[in-house]
Structures are given as structure tokens and as C-alpha cells.
PDB file of N, CA and C in Angstrom:
ATOM      1  N   UNK A   1      83.373 100.029 -18.641  1.00  0.00           N
ATOM      2  CA  UNK A   1      82.729 100.885 -19.613  1.00  0.00           C
ATOM      3  C   UNK A   1      83.608 101.041 -20.849  1.00  0.00           C
ATOM      4  N   UNK A   2      84.927 101.172 -20.628  1.00  0.00           N
ATOM      5  CA  UNK A   2      85.843 101.307 -21.761  1.00  0.00           C
ATOM      6  C   UNK A   2      85.830 100.050 -22.625  1.00  0.00           C
ATOM      7  N   UNK A   3      85.751  98.897 -21.969  1.00  0.00           N
ATOM      8  CA  UNK A   3      85.715  97.638 -22.716  1.00  0.00           C
ATOM      9  C   UNK A   3      84.467  97.548 -23.581  1.00  0.00           C
ATOM     10  N   UNK A   4      83.344  97.993 -23.059  1.00  0.00           N
ATOM     11  CA  UNK A   4      82.099  97.970 -23.815  1.00  0.00           C
ATOM     12  C   UNK A   4      82.206  98.888 -25.032  1.00  0.00           C
ATOM     13  N   UNK A   5      82.780 100.063 -24.848  1.00  0.00           N
ATOM     14  CA  UNK A   5      82.971 100.988 -25.967  1.00  0.00           C
ATOM     15  C   UNK A   5      83.887 100.409 -27.024  1.00  0.00           C
ATOM     16  N   UNK A   6      84.945  99.758 -26.581  1.00  0.00           N
ATOM     17  CA  UNK A   6      85.875  99.134 -27.525  1.00  0.00           C
ATOM     18  C   UNK A   6      85.195  98.020 -28.311  1.00  0.00           C
ATOM     19  N   UNK A   7      84.404  97.220 -27.624  1.00  0.00           N
ATOM     20  CA  UNK A   7      83.690  96.118 -28.280  1.00  0.00           C
ATOM     21  C   UNK A   7      82.693  96.666 -29.293  1.00  0.00           C
ATOM     22  N   UNK A   8      81.952  97.696 -28.920  1.00  0.00           N
ATOM     23  CA  UNK A   8      80.981  98.287 -29.844  1.00  0.00           C
ATOM     24  C   UNK A   8      81.667  98.911 -31.053  1.00  0.00           C
ATOM     25  N   UNK A   9      82.768  99.603 -30.830  1.00  0.00           N
ATOM     26  CA  UNK A   9      83.511 100.202 -31.935  1.00  0.00           C
ATOM     27  C   UNK A   9      84.065  99.128 -32.860  1.00  0.00           C
ATOM     28  N   UNK A  10      84.601  98.080 -32.281  1.00  0.00           N
ATOM     29  CA  UNK A  10      85.126  96.973 -33.091  1.00  0.00           C
ATOM     30  C   UNK A  10      84.021  96.319 -33.911  1.00  0.00           C
ATOM     31  N   UNK A  11      82.885  96.096 -33.304  1.00  0.00           N
ATOM     32  CA  UNK A  11      81.756  95.479 -34.015  1.00  0.00           C
ATOM     33  C   UNK A  11      81.289  96.376 -35.152  1.00  0.00           C
ATOM     34  N   UNK A  12      81.249  97.679 -34.915  1.00  0.00           N
ATOM     35  CA  UNK A  12      80.836  98.617 -35.964  1.00  0.00           C
ATOM     36  C   UNK A  12      81.808  98.592 -37.136  1.00  0.00           C
ATOM     37  N   UNK A  13      83.091  98.592 -36.841  1.00  0.00           N
ATOM     38  CA  UNK A  13      84.079  98.570 -37.916  1.00  0.00           C
ATOM     39  C   UNK A  13      84.042  97.264 -38.698  1.00  0.00           C
ATOM     40  N   UNK A  14      83.874  96.166 -38.007  1.00  0.00           N
ATOM     41  CA  UNK A  14      83.806  94.868 -38.686  1.00  0.00           C
ATOM     42  C   UNK A  14      82.562  94.799 -39.562  1.00  0.00           C
ATOM     43  N   UNK A  15      81.437  95.226 -39.038  1.00  0.00           N
ATOM     44  CA  UNK A  15      80.197  95.197 -39.820  1.00  0.00           C
ATOM     45  C   UNK A  15      80.242  96.224 -40.939  1.00  0.00           C
ATOM     46  N   UNK A  16      80.911  97.339 -40.712  1.00  0.00           N
ATOM     47  CA  UNK A  16      80.973  98.398 -41.705  1.00  0.00           C
ATOM     48  C   UNK A  16      81.830  98.066 -42.901  1.00  0.00           C
ATOM     49  N   UNK A  17      82.700  97.112 -42.795  1.00  0.00           N
ATOM     50  CA  UNK A  17      83.608  96.769 -43.892  1.00  0.00           C
ATOM     51  C   UNK A  17      83.263  95.424 -44.519  1.00  0.00           C
ATOM     52  N   UNK A  18      82.033  95.013 -44.415  1.00  0.00           N
ATOM     53  CA  UNK A  18      81.644  93.680 -44.888  1.00  0.00           C
ATOM     54  C   UNK A  18      81.879  93.506 -46.379  1.00  0.00           C
ATOM     55  N   UNK A  19      81.563  94.526 -47.169  1.00  0.00           N
ATOM     56  CA  UNK A  19      81.750  94.375 -48.619  1.00  0.00           C
ATOM     57  C   UNK A  19      83.228  94.319 -48.981  1.00  0.00           C
ATOM     58  N   UNK A  20      84.070  94.991 -48.192  1.00  0.00           N
ATOM     59  CA  UNK A  20      85.507  94.926 -48.453  1.00  0.00           C
ATOM     60  C   UNK A  20      86.050  93.532 -48.157  1.00  0.00           C
ATOM     61  N   UNK A  21      85.519  92.888 -47.125  1.00  0.00           N
ATOM     62  CA  UNK A  21      85.956  91.530 -46.796  1.00  0.00           C
ATOM     63  C   UNK A  21      85.430  90.520 -47.799  1.00  0.00           C
ATOM     64  N   UNK A  22      84.305  90.827 -48.423  1.00  0.00           N
ATOM     65  CA  UNK A  22      83.685  89.887 -49.351  1.00  0.00           C
ATOM     66  C   UNK A  22      84.470  89.794 -50.662  1.00  0.00           C
ATOM     67  N   UNK A  23      85.187  90.845 -51.045  1.00  0.00           N
ATOM     68  CA  UNK A  23      85.928  90.849 -52.317  1.00  0.00           C
ATOM     69  C   UNK A  23      86.928  89.702 -52.423  1.00  0.00           C
ATOM     70  N   UNK A  24      87.789  89.463 -51.439  1.00  0.00           N
ATOM     71  CA  UNK A  24      88.731  88.345 -51.564  1.00  0.00           C
ATOM     72  C   UNK A  24      88.048  86.981 -51.595  1.00  0.00           C
ATOM     73  N   UNK A  25      86.903  86.869 -50.937  1.00  0.00           N
ATOM     74  CA  UNK A  25      86.170  85.601 -50.958  1.00  0.00           C
ATOM     75  C   UNK A  25      85.697  85.311 -52.375  1.00  0.00           C
ATOM     76  N   UNK A  26      85.108  86.308 -53.017  1.00  0.00           N
ATOM     77  CA  UNK A  26      84.637  86.133 -54.397  1.00  0.00           C
ATOM     78  C   UNK A  26      85.808  85.889 -55.344  1.00  0.00           C
ATOM     79  N   UNK A  27      86.923  86.566 -55.106  1.00  0.00           N
ATOM     80  CA  UNK A  27      88.101  86.373 -55.959  1.00  0.00           C
ATOM     81  C   UNK A  27      88.624  84.941 -55.845  1.00  0.00           C
ATOM     82  N   UNK A  28      88.598  84.383 -54.651  1.00  0.00           N
ATOM     83  CA  UNK A  28      89.043  82.996 -54.455  1.00  0.00           C
ATOM     84  C   UNK A  28      88.128  82.014 -55.182  1.00  0.00           C
ATOM     85  N   UNK A  29      86.829  82.246 -55.094  1.00  0.00           N
ATOM     86  CA  UNK A  29      85.879  81.366 -55.789  1.00  0.00           C
ATOM     87  C   UNK A  29      86.085  81.460 -57.299  1.00  0.00           C
ATOM     88  N   UNK A  30      86.278  82.680 -57.795  1.00  0.00           N
ATOM     89  CA  UNK A  30      86.506  82.857 -59.233  1.00  0.00           C
ATOM     90  C   UNK A  30      87.807  82.186 -59.673  1.00  0.00           C
ATOM     91  N   UNK A  31      88.832  82.272 -58.858  1.00  0.00           N
ATOM     92  CA  UNK A  31      90.102  81.613 -59.176  1.00  0.00           C
ATOM     93  C   UNK A  31      89.911  80.103 -59.264  1.00  0.00           C
ATOM     94  N   UNK A  32      89.203  79.538 -58.287  1.00  0.00           N
ATOM     95  CA  UNK A  32      88.941  78.089 -58.324  1.00  0.00           C
ATOM     96  C   UNK A  32      88.167  77.703 -59.574  1.00  0.00           C
ATOM     97  N   UNK A  33      87.201  78.534 -59.954  1.00  0.00           N
ATOM     98  CA  UNK A  33      86.388  78.243 -61.134  1.00  0.00           C
ATOM     99  C   UNK A  33      87.232  78.258 -62.403  1.00  0.00           C
ATOM    100  N   UNK A  34      88.166  79.195 -62.488  1.00  0.00           N
ATOM    101  CA  UNK A  34      88.958  79.358 -63.714  1.00  0.00           C
ATOM    102  C   UNK A  34      90.195  78.470 -63.783  1.00  0.00           C
ATOM    103  N   UNK A  35      90.716  78.020 -62.656  1.00  0.00           N
ATOM    104  CA  UNK A  35      92.013  77.339 -62.666  1.00  0.00           C
ATOM    105  C   UNK A  35      92.016  75.921 -62.105  1.00  0.00           C
ATOM    106  N   UNK A  36      90.883  75.402 -61.714  1.00  0.00           N
ATOM    107  CA  UNK A  36      90.836  74.074 -61.121  1.00  0.00           C
ATOM    108  C   UNK A  36      90.063  73.128 -62.035  1.00  0.00           C
ATOM    109  N   UNK A  37      90.585  71.928 -62.189  1.00  0.00           N
ATOM    110  CA  UNK A  37      89.877  70.919 -62.983  1.00  0.00           C
ATOM    111  C   UNK A  37      88.701  70.392 -62.166  1.00  0.00           C
ATOM    112  N   UNK A  38      87.510  70.497 -62.734  1.00  0.00           N
ATOM    113  CA  UNK A  38      86.296  70.066 -62.039  1.00  0.00           C
ATOM    114  C   UNK A  38      85.392  69.326 -63.015  1.00  0.00           C
ATOM    115  N   UNK A  39      84.527  68.523 -62.447  1.00  0.00           N
ATOM    116  CA  UNK A  39      83.495  67.892 -63.268  1.00  0.00           C
ATOM    117  C   UNK A  39      82.447  68.958 -63.620  1.00  0.00           C
ATOM    118  N   UNK A  40      81.635  68.717 -64.634  1.00  0.00           N
ATOM    119  CA  UNK A  40      80.636  69.719 -65.031  1.00  0.00           C
ATOM    120  C   UNK A  40      79.676  70.115 -63.906  1.00  0.00           C
ATOM    121  N   UNK A  41      79.251  69.161 -63.097  1.00  0.00           N
ATOM    122  CA  UNK A  41      78.341  69.518 -62.008  1.00  0.00           C
ATOM    123  C   UNK A  41      79.048  70.315 -60.906  1.00  0.00           C
ATOM    124  N   UNK A  42      80.331  70.006 -60.639  1.00  0.00           N
ATOM    125  CA  UNK A  42      81.102  70.812 -59.683  1.00  0.00           C
ATOM    126  C   UNK A  42      81.303  72.224 -60.217  1.00  0.00           C
ATOM    127  N   UNK A  43      81.578  72.338 -61.515  1.00  0.00           N
ATOM    128  CA  UNK A  43      81.767  73.651 -62.137  1.00  0.00           C
ATOM    129  C   UNK A  43      80.484  74.483 -62.038  1.00  0.00           C
ATOM    130  N   UNK A  44      79.353  73.857 -62.279  1.00  0.00           N
ATOM    131  CA  UNK A  44      78.067  74.560 -62.188  1.00  0.00           C
ATOM    132  C   UNK A  44      77.800  75.005 -60.749  1.00  0.00           C
ATOM    133  N   UNK A  45      78.087  74.132 -59.778  1.00  0.00           N
ATOM    134  CA  UNK A  45      77.894  74.489 -58.384  1.00  0.00           C
ATOM    135  C   UNK A  45      78.798  75.665 -58.003  1.00  0.00           C
ATOM    136  N   UNK A  46      80.055  75.645 -58.457  1.00  0.00           N
ATOM    137  CA  UNK A  46      80.993  76.733 -58.158  1.00  0.00           C
ATOM    138  C   UNK A  46      80.544  78.025 -58.825  1.00  0.00           C
ATOM    139  N   UNK A  47      80.016  77.936 -60.035  1.00  0.00           N
ATOM    140  CA  UNK A  47      79.513  79.122 -60.735  1.00  0.00           C
ATOM    141  C   UNK A  47      78.347  79.741 -59.953  1.00  0.00           C
ATOM    142  N   UNK A  48      77.455  78.900 -59.444  1.00  0.00           N
ATOM    143  CA  UNK A  48      76.338  79.394 -58.630  1.00  0.00           C
ATOM    144  C   UNK A  48      76.842  80.018 -57.326  1.00  0.00           C
ATOM    145  N   UNK A  49      77.854  79.409 -56.750  1.00  0.00           N
ATOM    146  CA  UNK A  49      78.457  79.944 -55.530  1.00  0.00           C
ATOM    147  C   UNK A  49      79.054  81.329 -55.792  1.00  0.00           C
ATOM    148  N   UNK A  50      79.705  81.498 -56.944  1.00  0.00           N
ATOM    149  CA  UNK A  50      80.285  82.793 -57.306  1.00  0.00           C
ATOM    150  C   UNK A  50      79.192  83.837 -57.514  1.00  0.00           C
ATOM    151  N   UNK A  51      78.119  83.478 -58.185  1.00  0.00           N
ATOM    152  CA  UNK A  51      77.006  84.415 -58.387  1.00  0.00           C
ATOM    153  C   UNK A  51      76.405  84.847 -57.052  1.00  0.00           C
ATOM    154  N   UNK A  52      76.246  83.896 -56.146  1.00  0.00           N
ATOM    155  CA  UNK A  52      75.711  84.215 -54.829  1.00  0.00           C
ATOM    156  C   UNK A  52      76.671  85.132 -54.065  1.00  0.00           C
ATOM    157  N   UNK A  53      77.955  84.868 -54.174  1.00  0.00           N
ATOM    158  CA  UNK A  53      78.961  85.685 -53.496  1.00  0.00           C
ATOM    159  C   UNK A  53      78.921  87.124 -54.011  1.00  0.00           C
ATOM    160  N   UNK A  54      78.836  87.276 -55.313  1.00  0.00           N
ATOM    161  CA  UNK A  54      78.777  88.626 -55.902  1.00  0.00           C
ATOM    162  C   UNK A  54      77.496  89.351 -55.506  1.00  0.00           C
ATOM    163  N   UNK A  55      76.387  88.627 -55.435  1.00  0.00           N
ATOM    164  CA  UNK A  55      75.131  89.241 -55.002  1.00  0.00           C
ATOM    165  C   UNK A  55      75.244  89.728 -53.554  1.00  0.00           C
ATOM    166  N   UNK A  56      75.859  88.913 -52.700  1.00  0.00           N
ATOM    167  CA  UNK A  56      76.061  89.323 -51.310  1.00  0.00           C
ATOM    168  C   UNK A  56      76.980  90.534 -51.234  1.00  0.00           C
ATOM    169  N   UNK A  57      78.011  90.552 -52.068  1.00  0.00           N
ATOM    170  CA  UNK A  57      78.940  91.679 -52.067  1.00  0.00           C
ATOM    171  C   UNK A  57      78.217  92.964 -52.462  1.00  0.00           C
ATOM    172  N   UNK A  58      77.362  92.907 -53.471  1.00  0.00           N
ATOM    173  CA  UNK A  58      76.594  94.087 -53.872  1.00  0.00           C
ATOM    174  C   UNK A  58      75.654  94.531 -52.760  1.00  0.00           C
ATOM    175  N   UNK A  59      75.033  93.581 -52.097  1.00  0.00           N
ATOM    176  CA  UNK A  59      74.120  93.906 -51.004  1.00  0.00           C
ATOM    177  C   UNK A  59      74.873  94.576 -49.854  1.00  0.00           C
ATOM    178  N   UNK A  60      76.041  94.050 -49.515  1.00  0.00           N
ATOM    179  CA  UNK A  60      76.853  94.675 -48.469  1.00  0.00           C
ATOM    180  C   UNK A  60      77.270  96.083 -48.880  1.00  0.00           C
ATOM    181  N   UNK A  61      77.629  96.261 -50.136  1.00  0.00           N
ATOM    182  CA  UNK A  61      78.089  97.566 -50.603  1.00  0.00           C
ATOM    183  C   UNK A  61      76.972  98.600 -50.540  1.00  0.00           C
ATOM    184  N   UNK A  62      75.748  98.185 -50.804  1.00  0.00           N
ATOM    185  CA  UNK A  62      74.619  99.117 -50.741  1.00  0.00           C
ATOM    186  C   UNK A  62      74.371  99.586 -49.320  1.00  0.00           C
ATOM    187  N   UNK A  63      74.498  98.686 -48.371  1.00  0.00           N
ATOM    188  CA  UNK A  63      74.195  99.031 -46.985  1.00  0.00           C
ATOM    189  C   UNK A  63      75.413  99.537 -46.220  1.00  0.00           C
ATOM    190  N   UNK A  64      76.543  99.557 -46.853  1.00  0.00           N
ATOM    191  CA  UNK A  64      77.787  99.887 -46.167  1.00  0.00           C
ATOM    192  C   UNK A  64      78.150 101.347 -46.400  1.00  0.00           C
ATOM    193  N   UNK A  65      77.962 102.175 -45.406  1.00  0.00           N
ATOM    194  CA  UNK A  65      78.263 103.592 -45.572  1.00  0.00           C
ATOM    195  C   UNK A  65      79.761 103.854 -45.611  1.00  0.00           C
ATOM    196  N   UNK A  66      80.565 103.054 -44.927  1.00  0.00           N
ATOM    197  CA  UNK A  66      82.012 103.263 -44.941  1.00  0.00           C
ATOM    198  C   UNK A  66      82.621 102.912 -46.286  1.00  0.00           C
ATOM    199  N   UNK A  67      82.084 101.910 -46.946  1.00  0.00           N
ATOM    200  CA  UNK A  67      82.632 101.489 -48.232  1.00  0.00           C
ATOM    201  C   UNK A  67      82.518 102.604 -49.250  1.00  0.00           C
ATOM    202  N   UNK A  68      81.429 103.345 -49.203  1.00  0.00           N
ATOM    203  CA  UNK A  68      81.249 104.414 -50.172  1.00  0.00           C
ATOM    204  C   UNK A  68      82.349 105.463 -50.045  1.00  0.00           C
ATOM    205  N   UNK A  69      82.853 105.684 -48.844  1.00  0.00           N
ATOM    206  CA  UNK A  69      83.951 106.631 -48.673  1.00  0.00           C
ATOM    207  C   UNK A  69      85.251 106.066 -49.229  1.00  0.00           C
ATOM    208  N   UNK A  70      85.463 104.758 -49.095  1.00  0.00           N
ATOM    209  CA  UNK A  70      86.696 104.155 -49.584  1.00  0.00           C
ATOM    210  C   UNK A  70      86.754 104.115 -51.101  1.00  0.00           C
ATOM    211  N   UNK A  71      85.621 104.141 -51.762  1.00  0.00           N
ATOM    212  CA  UNK A  71      85.595 104.076 -53.215  1.00  0.00           C
ATOM    213  C   UNK A  71      86.080 105.375 -53.843  1.00  0.00           C
ATOM    214  N   UNK A  72      86.020 106.471 -53.110  1.00  0.00           N
ATOM    215  CA  UNK A  72      86.478 107.749 -53.641  1.00  0.00           C
ATOM    216  C   UNK A  72      87.996 107.831 -53.563  1.00  0.00           C
ATOM    217  N   UNK A  73      88.562 108.516 -54.528  1.00  0.00           N
ATOM    218  CA  UNK A  73      90.004 108.718 -54.487  1.00  0.00           C
ATOM    219  C   UNK A  73      90.327 109.776 -53.444  1.00  0.00           C
ATOM    220  N   UNK A  74      91.578 109.877 -53.107  1.00  0.00           N
ATOM    221  CA  UNK A  74      91.998 110.863 -52.115  1.00  0.00           C
ATOM    222  C   UNK A  74      91.747 112.282 -52.623  1.00  0.00           C
ATOM    223  N   UNK A  75      91.831 112.470 -53.929  1.00  0.00           N
ATOM    224  CA  UNK A  75      91.590 113.789 -54.510  1.00  0.00           C
ATOM    225  C   UNK A  75      90.117 114.173 -54.401  1.00  0.00           C
ATOM    226  N   UNK A  76      89.239 113.202 -54.601  1.00  0.00           N
ATOM    227  CA  UNK A  76      87.810 113.470 -54.454  1.00  0.00           C
ATOM    228  C   UNK A  76      87.460 113.774 -53.002  1.00  0.00           C
ATOM    229  N   UNK A  77      88.063 113.048 -52.081  1.00  0.00           N
ATOM    230  CA  UNK A  77      87.820 113.318 -50.667  1.00  0.00           C
ATOM    231  C   UNK A  77      88.311 114.716 -50.286  1.00  0.00           C
ATOM    232  N   UNK A  78      89.465 115.116 -50.824  1.00  0.00           N
ATOM    233  CA  UNK A  78      90.001 116.449 -50.549  1.00  0.00           C
ATOM    234  C   UNK A  78      89.074 117.520 -51.117  1.00  0.00           C
ATOM    235  N   UNK A  79      88.606 117.327 -52.347  1.00  0.00           N
ATOM    236  CA  UNK A  79      87.699 118.301 -52.961  1.00  0.00           C
ATOM    237  C   UNK A  79      86.403 118.413 -52.160  1.00  0.00           C
ATOM    238  N   UNK A  80      85.892 117.290 -51.692  1.00  0.00           N
ATOM    239  CA  UNK A  80      84.681 117.311 -50.873  1.00  0.00           C
ATOM    240  C   UNK A  80      84.910 118.061 -49.568  1.00  0.00           C
ATOM    241  N   UNK A  81      86.080 117.884 -48.963  1.00  0.00           N
ATOM    242  CA  UNK A  81      86.355 118.584 -47.711  1.00  0.00           C
ATOM    243  C   UNK A  81      86.478 120.086 -47.949  1.00  0.00           C
ATOM    244  N   UNK A  82      87.029 120.474 -49.096  1.00  0.00           N
ATOM    245  CA  UNK A  82      87.133 121.900 -49.422  1.00  0.00           C
ATOM    246  C   UNK A  82      85.749 122.503 -49.631  1.00  0.00           C
ATOM    247  N   UNK A  83      84.860 121.769 -50.309  1.00  0.00           N
ATOM    248  CA  UNK A  83      83.494 122.259 -50.517  1.00  0.00           C
ATOM    249  C   UNK A  83      82.804 122.463 -49.178  1.00  0.00           C
ATOM    250  N   UNK A  84      82.975 121.520 -48.267  1.00  0.00           N
ATOM    251  CA  UNK A  84      82.357 121.628 -46.950  1.00  0.00           C
ATOM    252  C   UNK A  84      82.898 122.824 -46.181  1.00  0.00           C
ATOM    253  N   UNK A  85      84.206 123.074 -46.280  1.00  0.00           N
ATOM    254  CA  UNK A  85      84.790 124.190 -45.540  1.00  0.00           C
ATOM    255  C   UNK A  85      84.366 125.525 -46.142  1.00  0.00           C
ATOM    256  N   UNK A  86      84.195 125.607 -47.460  1.00  0.00           N
ATOM    257  CA  UNK A  86      83.739 126.848 -48.097  1.00  0.00           C
ATOM    258  C   UNK A  86      82.313 127.149 -47.670  1.00  0.00           C
ATOM    259  N   UNK A  87      81.468 126.153 -47.636  1.00  0.00           N
ATOM    260  CA  UNK A  87      80.087 126.339 -47.196  1.00  0.00           C
ATOM    261  C   UNK A  87      80.061 126.769 -45.739  1.00  0.00           C
ATOM    262  N   UNK A  88      80.876 126.169 -44.906  1.00  0.00           N
ATOM    263  CA  UNK A  88      80.921 126.523 -43.489  1.00  0.00           C
ATOM    264  C   UNK A  88      81.453 127.938 -43.309  1.00  0.00           C
ATOM    265  N   UNK A  89      82.478 128.334 -44.077  1.00  0.00           N
ATOM    266  CA  UNK A  89      83.035 129.679 -43.967  1.00  0.00           C
ATOM    267  C   UNK A  89      82.032 130.728 -44.418  1.00  0.00           C
ATOM    268  N   UNK A  90      81.322 130.483 -45.493  1.00  0.00           N
ATOM    269  CA  UNK A  90      80.375 131.471 -45.996  1.00  0.00           C
ATOM    270  C   UNK A  90      79.172 131.618 -45.070  1.00  0.00           C
ATOM    271  N   UNK A  91      78.838 130.602 -44.328  1.00  0.00           N
ATOM    272  CA  UNK A  91      77.704 130.707 -43.409  1.00  0.00           C
ATOM    273  C   UNK A  91      78.081 131.470 -42.141  1.00  0.00           C
ATOM    274  N   UNK A  92      79.370 131.620 -41.855  1.00  0.00           N
ATOM    275  CA  UNK A  92      79.812 132.327 -40.654  1.00  0.00           C
ATOM    276  C   UNK A  92      80.019 133.819 -40.883  1.00  0.00           C
ATOM    277  N   UNK A  93      79.883 134.299 -42.103  1.00  0.00           N
ATOM    278  CA  UNK A  93      80.090 135.715 -42.401  1.00  0.00           C
ATOM    279  C   UNK A  93      78.863 136.495 -41.935  1.00  0.00           C
ATOM    280  N   UNK A  94      79.073 137.543 -41.110  1.00  0.00           N
ATOM    281  CA  UNK A  94      77.932 138.361 -40.678  1.00  0.00           C
ATOM    282  C   UNK A  94      77.304 139.069 -41.874  1.00  0.00           C
ATOM    283  N   UNK A  95      76.030 139.329 -41.804  1.00  0.00           N
ATOM    284  CA  UNK A  95      75.312 139.938 -42.925  1.00  0.00           C
ATOM    285  C   UNK A  95      75.802 141.356 -43.203  1.00  0.00           C
ATOM    286  N   UNK A  96      76.334 142.082 -42.200  1.00  0.00           N
ATOM    287  CA  UNK A  96      76.839 143.438 -42.420  1.00  0.00           C
ATOM    288  C   UNK A  96      78.044 143.428 -43.350  1.00  0.00           C
ATOM    289  N   UNK A  97      78.913 142.410 -43.221  1.00  0.00           N
ATOM    290  CA  UNK A  97      80.092 142.327 -44.074  1.00  0.00           C
ATOM    291  C   UNK A  97      79.718 141.958 -45.498  1.00  0.00           C
ATOM    292  N   UNK A  98      78.680 141.217 -45.675  1.00  0.00           N
ATOM    293  CA  UNK A  98      78.241 140.824 -47.010  1.00  0.00           C
ATOM    294  C   UNK A  98      77.725 142.039 -47.755  1.00  0.00           C
ATOM    295  N   UNK A  99      77.044 142.960 -47.060  1.00  0.00           N
ATOM    296  CA  UNK A  99      76.470 144.151 -47.677  1.00  0.00           C
ATOM    297  C   UNK A  99      77.560 145.094 -48.143  1.00  0.00           C
ATOM    298  N   UNK A 100      78.686 145.199 -47.433  1.00  0.00           N
ATOM    299  CA  UNK A 100      79.757 146.133 -47.774  1.00  0.00           C
ATOM    300  C   UNK A 100      80.260 145.798 -49.101  1.00  0.00           C
TER     301      UNK A 100
END
């Protein structure tokens, strides 16, 4: 049972970070396009490959809930956690104390 849980967790993390893994792939294609001597038809094929890679990266980013958290800075994450704790604290106050 533990092995199954580990496998499922690993699969979730791998699938959840797809757009993050796609960035270096697109960067490599762009590097080849900009720094490698190619014939015009090879250059066009590489350009199309780069466009397809970027489209896939955008698609992964839209469906990737974990990526959206990584895009925020640590300060934004801290501010969000403070907002959540203030809302949680204010909801726990009994109505009698609010009236006082």
C-alpha cells in the first residue's frame, strides 16, 4: 500500500511540474536556432519546433495548478498566508465578543 501511495504521489508531482520541465526544452531549441549554422529549411523546421514547444509550455502552465504557486514570490505567498489566517481568526470570534 505504501508503494502505491509513493507511486501515485510521484506521478502527481511529475505531472504537476510539466510546464517547469518544458522551459529548458524550449530554451535548448531556441539556443540551437540562434547559435547553430543551418540551411534555410532546417531553420524553418526548428522555428516551427520552437513555436510548438512554447505552445505546449503555455498549455501545461494553464492546466498546472502547482506552477501557479511557483510563479509567486515568497513575499506574495507570505502575504496570502497572512490573509488566510486573518480570515480564519475573524471567523472564530464568538458573536458576543464582537458586540462588546
